[in-house]
Amino acid sequence: MTITADNKKRVVIPWAKAGDVFACEQRDENHFSLARLNPPPAPKKMTRAEVRRAIKNSKMSPMMTWDELRKLTREP
């Protein structure tokens, strides 16, 4: 099988699918090795309970009630 590069140095590999990623290694001046890289698995989505637990344990959540905050920030 012969594959030809176009003017933009692109090569079409007939058995490749759109979005495939390859590692290209040059063995010597005239030989190249292509290896298809497998994408990492998609991260597991969090459940609603896990999201709520993460929000509750977040450092960004307030540690005092609104009434305590009002007392600290309002002038007497």
PDB file of N, CA and C in Angstrom:
ATOM      1  N   MET A   1       0.848  -1.171   0.000  1.00  0.00           N
ATOM      2  CA  MET A   1       0.000   0.000   0.000  1.00  0.00           C
ATOM      3  C   MET A   1       0.898   1.239   0.000  1.00  0.00           C
ATOM      4  N   THR A   2       0.581   2.183  -0.842  1.00  0.00           N
ATOM      5  CA  THR A   2       1.328   3.435  -0.931  1.00  0.00           C
ATOM      6  C   THR A   2       0.448   4.571  -0.443  1.00  0.00           C
ATOM      7  N   ILE A   3       1.022   5.403   0.422  1.00  0.00           N
ATOM      8  CA  ILE A   3       0.297   6.563   0.956  1.00  0.00           C
ATOM      9  C   ILE A   3       1.098   7.800   0.577  1.00  0.00           C
ATOM     10  N   THR A   4       0.416   8.834   0.063  1.00  0.00           N
ATOM     11  CA  THR A   4       1.089  10.041  -0.401  1.00  0.00           C
ATOM     12  C   THR A   4       0.675  11.233   0.452  1.00  0.00           C
ATOM     13  N   ALA A   5       1.626  12.074   0.813  1.00  0.00           N
ATOM     14  CA  ALA A   5       1.346  13.283   1.580  1.00  0.00           C
ATOM     15  C   ALA A   5       0.885  14.383   0.624  1.00  0.00           C
ATOM     16  N   ASP A   6      -0.014  15.262   1.102  1.00  0.00           N
ATOM     17  CA  ASP A   6      -0.466  16.376   0.267  1.00  0.00           C
ATOM     18  C   ASP A   6       0.406  17.606   0.526  1.00  0.00           C
ATOM     19  N   ASN A   7      -0.004  18.764  -0.021  1.00  0.00           N
ATOM     20  CA  ASN A   7       0.790  19.984   0.106  1.00  0.00           C
ATOM     21  C   ASN A   7       0.924  20.467   1.545  1.00  0.00           C
ATOM     22  N   LYS A   8      -0.030  20.103   2.385  1.00  0.00           N
ATOM     23  CA  LYS A   8       0.008  20.531   3.784  1.00  0.00           C
ATOM     24  C   LYS A   8       0.649  19.477   4.690  1.00  0.00           C
ATOM     25  N   LYS A   9       1.360  18.521   4.107  1.00  0.00           N
ATOM     26  CA  LYS A   9       2.065  17.455   4.820  1.00  0.00           C
ATOM     27  C   LYS A   9       1.110  16.527   5.562  1.00  0.00           C
ATOM     28  N   ARG A  10      -0.106  16.360   5.051  1.00  0.00           N
ATOM     29  CA  ARG A  10      -1.079  15.465   5.658  1.00  0.00           C
ATOM     30  C   ARG A  10      -1.046  14.126   4.940  1.00  0.00           C
ATOM     31  N   VAL A  11      -1.233  13.067   5.701  1.00  0.00           N
ATOM     32  CA  VAL A  11      -1.275  11.720   5.157  1.00  0.00           C
ATOM     33  C   VAL A  11      -2.595  11.099   5.582  1.00  0.00           C
ATOM     34  N   VAL A  12      -3.296  10.461   4.649  1.00  0.00           N
ATOM     35  CA  VAL A  12      -4.564   9.792   4.960  1.00  0.00           C
ATOM     36  C   VAL A  12      -4.277   8.307   5.136  1.00  0.00           C
ATOM     37  N   ILE A  13      -4.638   7.786   6.297  1.00  0.00           N
ATOM     38  CA  ILE A  13      -4.470   6.360   6.575  1.00  0.00           C
ATOM     39  C   ILE A  13      -5.836   5.715   6.413  1.00  0.00           C
ATOM     40  N   PRO A  14      -6.011   4.804   5.462  1.00  0.00           N
ATOM     41  CA  PRO A  14      -7.338   4.273   5.138  1.00  0.00           C
ATOM     42  C   PRO A  14      -8.060   3.609   6.307  1.00  0.00           C
ATOM     43  N   TRP A  15      -7.364   2.951   7.190  1.00  0.00           N
ATOM     44  CA  TRP A  15      -8.026   2.220   8.280  1.00  0.00           C
ATOM     45  C   TRP A  15      -8.228   3.079   9.535  1.00  0.00           C
ATOM     46  N   ALA A  16      -7.761   4.314   9.537  1.00  0.00           N
ATOM     47  CA  ALA A  16      -7.927   5.202  10.688  1.00  0.00           C
ATOM     48  C   ALA A  16      -9.322   5.815  10.682  1.00  0.00           C
ATOM     49  N   LYS A  17      -9.838   6.057  11.897  1.00  0.00           N
ATOM     50  CA  LYS A  17     -11.142   6.709  12.045  1.00  0.00           C
ATOM     51  C   LYS A  17     -10.931   8.157  12.479  1.00  0.00           C
ATOM     52  N   ALA A  18     -11.927   8.978  12.257  1.00  0.00           N
ATOM     53  CA  ALA A  18     -11.841  10.377  12.670  1.00  0.00           C
ATOM     54  C   ALA A  18     -11.634  10.453  14.180  1.00  0.00           C
ATOM     55  N   GLY A  19     -10.690  11.258  14.608  1.00  0.00           N
ATOM     56  CA  GLY A  19     -10.420  11.428  16.030  1.00  0.00           C
ATOM     57  C   GLY A  19      -9.354  10.495  16.578  1.00  0.00           C
ATOM     58  N   ASP A  20      -8.890   9.527  15.793  1.00  0.00           N
ATOM     59  CA  ASP A  20      -7.826   8.639  16.257  1.00  0.00           C
ATOM     60  C   ASP A  20      -6.544   9.439  16.469  1.00  0.00           C
ATOM     61  N   VAL A  21      -5.780   9.046  17.489  1.00  0.00           N
ATOM     62  CA  VAL A  21      -4.511   9.706  17.799  1.00  0.00           C
ATOM     63  C   VAL A  21      -3.411   8.662  17.664  1.00  0.00           C
ATOM     64  N   PHE A  22      -2.325   9.058  17.003  1.00  0.00           N
ATOM     65  CA  PHE A  22      -1.222   8.135  16.765  1.00  0.00           C
ATOM     66  C   PHE A  22       0.069   8.707  17.319  1.00  0.00           C
ATOM     67  N   ALA A  23       0.946   7.822  17.793  1.00  0.00           N
ATOM     68  CA  ALA A  23       2.305   8.190  18.158  1.00  0.00           C
ATOM     69  C   ALA A  23       3.184   7.828  16.963  1.00  0.00           C
ATOM     70  N   CYS A  24       3.972   8.775  16.513  1.00  0.00           N
ATOM     71  CA  CYS A  24       4.833   8.546  15.352  1.00  0.00           C
ATOM     72  C   CYS A  24       6.284   8.539  15.814  1.00  0.00           C
ATOM     73  N   GLU A  25       6.995   7.489  15.450  1.00  0.00           N
ATOM     74  CA  GLU A  25       8.397   7.357  15.824  1.00  0.00           C
ATOM     75  C   GLU A  25       9.214   7.149  14.551  1.00  0.00           C
ATOM     76  N   GLN A  26      10.260   7.932  14.389  1.00  0.00           N
ATOM     77  CA  GLN A  26      11.116   7.791  13.209  1.00  0.00           C
ATOM     78  C   GLN A  26      12.229   6.807  13.543  1.00  0.00           C
ATOM     79  N   ARG A  27      12.232   5.669  12.857  1.00  0.00           N
ATOM     80  CA  ARG A  27      13.229   4.616  13.117  1.00  0.00           C
ATOM     81  C   ARG A  27      14.569   4.961  12.450  1.00  0.00           C
ATOM     82  N   ASP A  28      14.518   5.432  11.232  1.00  0.00           N
ATOM     83  CA  ASP A  28      15.694   5.949  10.536  1.00  0.00           C
ATOM     84  C   ASP A  28      15.194   6.933   9.489  1.00  0.00           C
ATOM     85  N   GLU A  29      16.034   7.326   8.557  1.00  0.00           N
ATOM     86  CA  GLU A  29      15.673   8.374   7.600  1.00  0.00           C
ATOM     87  C   GLU A  29      14.438   8.031   6.772  1.00  0.00           C
ATOM     88  N   ASN A  30      14.219   6.768   6.443  1.00  0.00           N
ATOM     89  CA  ASN A  30      13.123   6.377   5.557  1.00  0.00           C
ATOM     90  C   ASN A  30      12.061   5.494   6.204  1.00  0.00           C
ATOM     91  N   HIS A  31      12.154   5.236   7.482  1.00  0.00           N
ATOM     92  CA  HIS A  31      11.198   4.346   8.140  1.00  0.00           C
ATOM     93  C   HIS A  31      10.560   5.023   9.349  1.00  0.00           C
ATOM     94  N   PHE A  32       9.227   4.917   9.397  1.00  0.00           N
ATOM     95  CA  PHE A  32       8.469   5.490  10.492  1.00  0.00           C
ATOM     96  C   PHE A  32       7.589   4.403  11.091  1.00  0.00           C
ATOM     97  N   SER A  33       7.292   4.537  12.366  1.00  0.00           N
ATOM     98  CA  SER A  33       6.419   3.583  13.047  1.00  0.00           C
ATOM     99  C   SER A  33       5.247   4.363  13.654  1.00  0.00           C
ATOM    100  N   LEU A  34       4.026   3.929  13.348  1.00  0.00           N
ATOM    101  CA  LEU A  34       2.831   4.553  13.912  1.00  0.00           C
ATOM    102  C   LEU A  34       2.192   3.592  14.899  1.00  0.00           C
ATOM    103  N   ALA A  35       1.792   4.118  16.031  1.00  0.00           N
ATOM    104  CA  ALA A  35       1.076   3.320  17.026  1.00  0.00           C
ATOM    105  C   ALA A  35      -0.166   4.089  17.438  1.00  0.00           C
ATOM    106  N   ARG A  36      -1.327   3.440  17.361  1.00  0.00           N
ATOM    107  CA  ARG A  36      -2.578   4.099  17.760  1.00  0.00           C
ATOM    108  C   ARG A  36      -2.609   4.190  19.283  1.00  0.00           C
ATOM    109  N   LEU A  37      -2.917   5.372  19.802  1.00  0.00           N
ATOM    110  CA  LEU A  37      -3.017   5.589  21.240  1.00  0.00           C
ATOM    111  C   LEU A  37      -4.478   5.473  21.659  1.00  0.00           C
ATOM    112  N   ASN A  38      -4.731   4.689  22.689  1.00  0.00           N
ATOM    113  CA  ASN A  38      -6.095   4.532  23.191  1.00  0.00           C
ATOM    114  C   ASN A  38      -6.422   5.689  24.121  1.00  0.00           C
ATOM    115  N   PRO A  39      -7.579   6.330  23.935  1.00  0.00           N
ATOM    116  CA  PRO A  39      -7.944   7.442  24.822  1.00  0.00           C
ATOM    117  C   PRO A  39      -8.245   6.916  26.228  1.00  0.00           C
ATOM    118  N   PRO A  40      -8.004   7.724  27.252  1.00  0.00           N
ATOM    119  CA  PRO A  40      -8.312   7.282  28.612  1.00  0.00           C
ATOM    120  C   PRO A  40      -9.826   7.138  28.777  1.00  0.00           C
ATOM    121  N   PRO A  41     -10.270   6.255  29.668  1.00  0.00           N
ATOM    122  CA  PRO A  41     -11.712   6.099  29.865  1.00  0.00           C
ATOM    123  C   PRO A  41     -12.325   7.380  30.435  1.00  0.00           C
ATOM    124  N   ALA A  42     -13.569   7.632  30.074  1.00  0.00           N
ATOM    125  CA  ALA A  42     -14.256   8.832  30.553  1.00  0.00           C
ATOM    126  C   ALA A  42     -14.437   8.742  32.065  1.00  0.00           C
ATOM    127  N   PRO A  43     -14.282   9.862  32.779  1.00  0.00           N
ATOM    128  CA  PRO A  43     -14.453   9.821  34.229  1.00  0.00           C
ATOM    129  C   PRO A  43     -15.901   9.505  34.599  1.00  0.00           C
ATOM    130  N   LYS A  44     -16.070   8.770  35.692  1.00  0.00           N
ATOM    131  CA  LYS A  44     -17.396   8.388  36.157  1.00  0.00           C
ATOM    132  C   LYS A  44     -18.117   9.619  36.701  1.00  0.00           C
ATOM    133  N   LYS A  45     -19.374   9.782  36.311  1.00  0.00           N
ATOM    134  CA  LYS A  45     -20.150  10.926  36.795  1.00  0.00           C
ATOM    135  C   LYS A  45     -20.496  10.729  38.260  1.00  0.00           C
ATOM    136  N   MET A  46     -20.508  11.820  38.994  1.00  0.00           N
ATOM    137  CA  MET A  46     -20.862  11.770  40.408  1.00  0.00           C
ATOM    138  C   MET A  46     -22.374  11.633  40.554  1.00  0.00           C
ATOM    139  N   THR A  47     -22.791  10.905  41.579  1.00  0.00           N
ATOM    140  CA  THR A  47     -24.220  10.802  41.860  1.00  0.00           C
ATOM    141  C   THR A  47     -24.673  12.074  42.562  1.00  0.00           C
ATOM    142  N   ARG A  48     -25.967  12.247  42.644  1.00  0.00           N
ATOM    143  CA  ARG A  48     -26.509  13.435  43.313  1.00  0.00           C
ATOM    144  C   ARG A  48     -26.057  13.489  44.778  1.00  0.00           C
ATOM    145  N   ALA A  49     -26.038  12.333  45.440  1.00  0.00           N
ATOM    146  CA  ALA A  49     -25.621  12.291  46.849  1.00  0.00           C
ATOM    147  C   ALA A  49     -24.143  12.667  46.985  1.00  0.00           C
ATOM    148  N   GLU A  50     -23.299  12.213  46.057  1.00  0.00           N
ATOM    149  CA  GLU A  50     -21.881  12.554  46.100  1.00  0.00           C
ATOM    150  C   GLU A  50     -21.668  14.046  45.863  1.00  0.00           C
ATOM    151  N   VAL A  51     -22.448  14.638  44.967  1.00  0.00           N
ATOM    152  CA  VAL A  51     -22.343  16.078  44.703  1.00  0.00           C
ATOM    153  C   VAL A  51     -22.732  16.866  45.944  1.00  0.00           C
ATOM    154  N   ARG A  52     -23.825  16.481  46.565  1.00  0.00           N
ATOM    155  CA  ARG A  52     -24.267  17.191  47.779  1.00  0.00           C
ATOM    156  C   ARG A  52     -23.239  17.070  48.902  1.00  0.00           C
ATOM    157  N   ARG A  53     -22.652  15.867  49.059  1.00  0.00           N
ATOM    158  CA  ARG A  53     -21.640  15.649  50.090  1.00  0.00           C
ATOM    159  C   ARG A  53     -20.410  16.502  49.808  1.00  0.00           C
ATOM    160  N   ALA A  54     -20.013  16.610  48.549  1.00  0.00           N
ATOM    161  CA  ALA A  54     -18.849  17.410  48.179  1.00  0.00           C
ATOM    162  C   ALA A  54     -19.100  18.887  48.453  1.00  0.00           C
ATOM    163  N   ILE A  55     -20.297  19.373  48.148  1.00  0.00           N
ATOM    164  CA  ILE A  55     -20.629  20.774  48.411  1.00  0.00           C
ATOM    165  C   ILE A  55     -20.642  21.043  49.909  1.00  0.00           C
ATOM    166  N   LYS A  56     -21.203  20.112  50.679  1.00  0.00           N
ATOM    167  CA  LYS A  56     -21.292  20.289  52.134  1.00  0.00           C
ATOM    168  C   LYS A  56     -19.900  20.321  52.763  1.00  0.00           C
ATOM    169  N   ASN A  57     -18.973  19.492  52.265  1.00  0.00           N
ATOM    170  CA  ASN A  57     -17.629  19.412  52.828  1.00  0.00           C
ATOM    171  C   ASN A  57     -16.660  20.429  52.215  1.00  0.00           C
ATOM    172  N   SER A  58     -17.129  21.232  51.262  1.00  0.00           N
ATOM    173  CA  SER A  58     -16.271  22.192  50.591  1.00  0.00           C
ATOM    174  C   SER A  58     -15.836  23.298  51.542  1.00  0.00           C
ATOM    175  N   LYS A  59     -14.621  23.784  51.359  1.00  0.00           N
ATOM    176  CA  LYS A  59     -14.120  24.893  52.163  1.00  0.00           C
ATOM    177  C   LYS A  59     -14.796  26.207  51.783  1.00  0.00           C
ATOM    178  N   MET A  60     -15.488  26.212  50.662  1.00  0.00           N
ATOM    179  CA  MET A  60     -16.156  27.433  50.213  1.00  0.00           C
ATOM    180  C   MET A  60     -17.514  27.624  50.876  1.00  0.00           C
ATOM    181  N   SER A  61     -18.030  26.620  51.565  1.00  0.00           N
ATOM    182  CA  SER A  61     -19.336  26.770  52.198  1.00  0.00           C
ATOM    183  C   SER A  61     -19.182  27.546  53.508  1.00  0.00           C
ATOM    184  N   PRO A  62     -20.155  28.394  53.849  1.00  0.00           N
ATOM    185  CA  PRO A  62     -20.052  29.216  55.057  1.00  0.00           C
ATOM    186  C   PRO A  62     -20.083  28.349  56.320  1.00  0.00           C
ATOM    187  N   MET A  63     -19.300  28.778  57.323  1.00  0.00           N
ATOM    188  CA  MET A  63     -19.215  28.023  58.571  1.00  0.00           C
ATOM    189  C   MET A  63     -20.087  28.637  59.665  1.00  0.00           C
ATOM    190  N   MET A  64     -20.810  29.698  59.359  1.00  0.00           N
ATOM    191  CA  MET A  64     -21.681  30.330  60.355  1.00  0.00           C
ATOM    192  C   MET A  64     -23.032  30.622  59.728  1.00  0.00           C
ATOM    193  N   THR A  65     -24.001  30.881  60.578  1.00  0.00           N
ATOM    194  CA  THR A  65     -25.339  31.178  60.082  1.00  0.00           C
ATOM    195  C   THR A  65     -25.392  32.626  59.612  1.00  0.00           C
ATOM    196  N   TRP A  66     -26.457  32.963  58.891  1.00  0.00           N
ATOM    197  CA  TRP A  66     -26.625  34.339  58.411  1.00  0.00           C
ATOM    198  C   TRP A  66     -26.801  35.301  59.582  1.00  0.00           C
ATOM    199  N   ASP A  67     -27.466  34.866  60.630  1.00  0.00           N
ATOM    200  CA  ASP A  67     -27.658  35.741  61.802  1.00  0.00           C
ATOM    201  C   ASP A  67     -26.323  36.077  62.460  1.00  0.00           C
ATOM    202  N   GLU A  68     -25.436  35.092  62.596  1.00  0.00           N
ATOM    203  CA  GLU A  68     -24.116  35.352  63.171  1.00  0.00           C
ATOM    204  C   GLU A  68     -23.326  36.316  62.289  1.00  0.00           C
ATOM    205  N   LEU A  69     -23.444  36.159  61.001  1.00  0.00           N
ATOM    206  CA  LEU A  69     -22.740  37.048  60.081  1.00  0.00           C
ATOM    207  C   LEU A  69     -23.267  38.474  60.194  1.00  0.00           C
ATOM    208  N   ARG A  70     -24.585  38.626  60.303  1.00  0.00           N
ATOM    209  CA  ARG A  70     -25.185  39.969  60.463  1.00  0.00           C
ATOM    210  C   ARG A  70     -24.680  40.645  61.722  1.00  0.00           C
ATOM    211  N   LYS A  71     -24.592  39.903  62.836  1.00  0.00           N
ATOM    212  CA  LYS A  71     -24.120  40.476  64.083  1.00  0.00           C
ATOM    213  C   LYS A  71     -22.679  40.951  63.976  1.00  0.00           C
ATOM    214  N   LEU A  72     -21.860  40.206  63.235  1.00  0.00           N
ATOM    215  CA  LEU A  72     -20.462  40.567  63.087  1.00  0.00           C
ATOM    216  C   LEU A  72     -20.244  41.754  62.141  1.00  0.00           C
ATOM    217  N   THR A  73     -21.116  41.908  61.165  1.00  0.00           N
ATOM    218  CA  THR A  73     -20.869  42.911  60.126  1.00  0.00           C
ATOM    219  C   THR A  73     -21.696  44.189  60.275  1.00  0.00           C
ATOM    220  N   ARG A  74     -22.743  44.167  61.077  1.00  0.00           N
ATOM    221  CA  ARG A  74     -23.581  45.367  61.222  1.00  0.00           C
ATOM    222  C   ARG A  74     -23.125  46.201  62.406  1.00  0.00           C
ATOM    223  N   GLU A  75     -23.290  47.488  62.267  1.00  0.00           N
ATOM    224  CA  GLU A  75     -22.955  48.384  63.374  1.00  0.00           C
ATOM    225  C   GLU A  75     -24.068  48.338  64.406  1.00  0.00           C
ATOM    226  N   PRO A  76     -23.734  48.394  65.681  1.00  0.00           N
ATOM    227  CA  PRO A  76     -24.783  48.358  66.740  1.00  0.00           C
ATOM    228  C   PRO A  76     -25.639  49.600  66.805  1.00  0.00           C
TER     229      PRO A  76
END
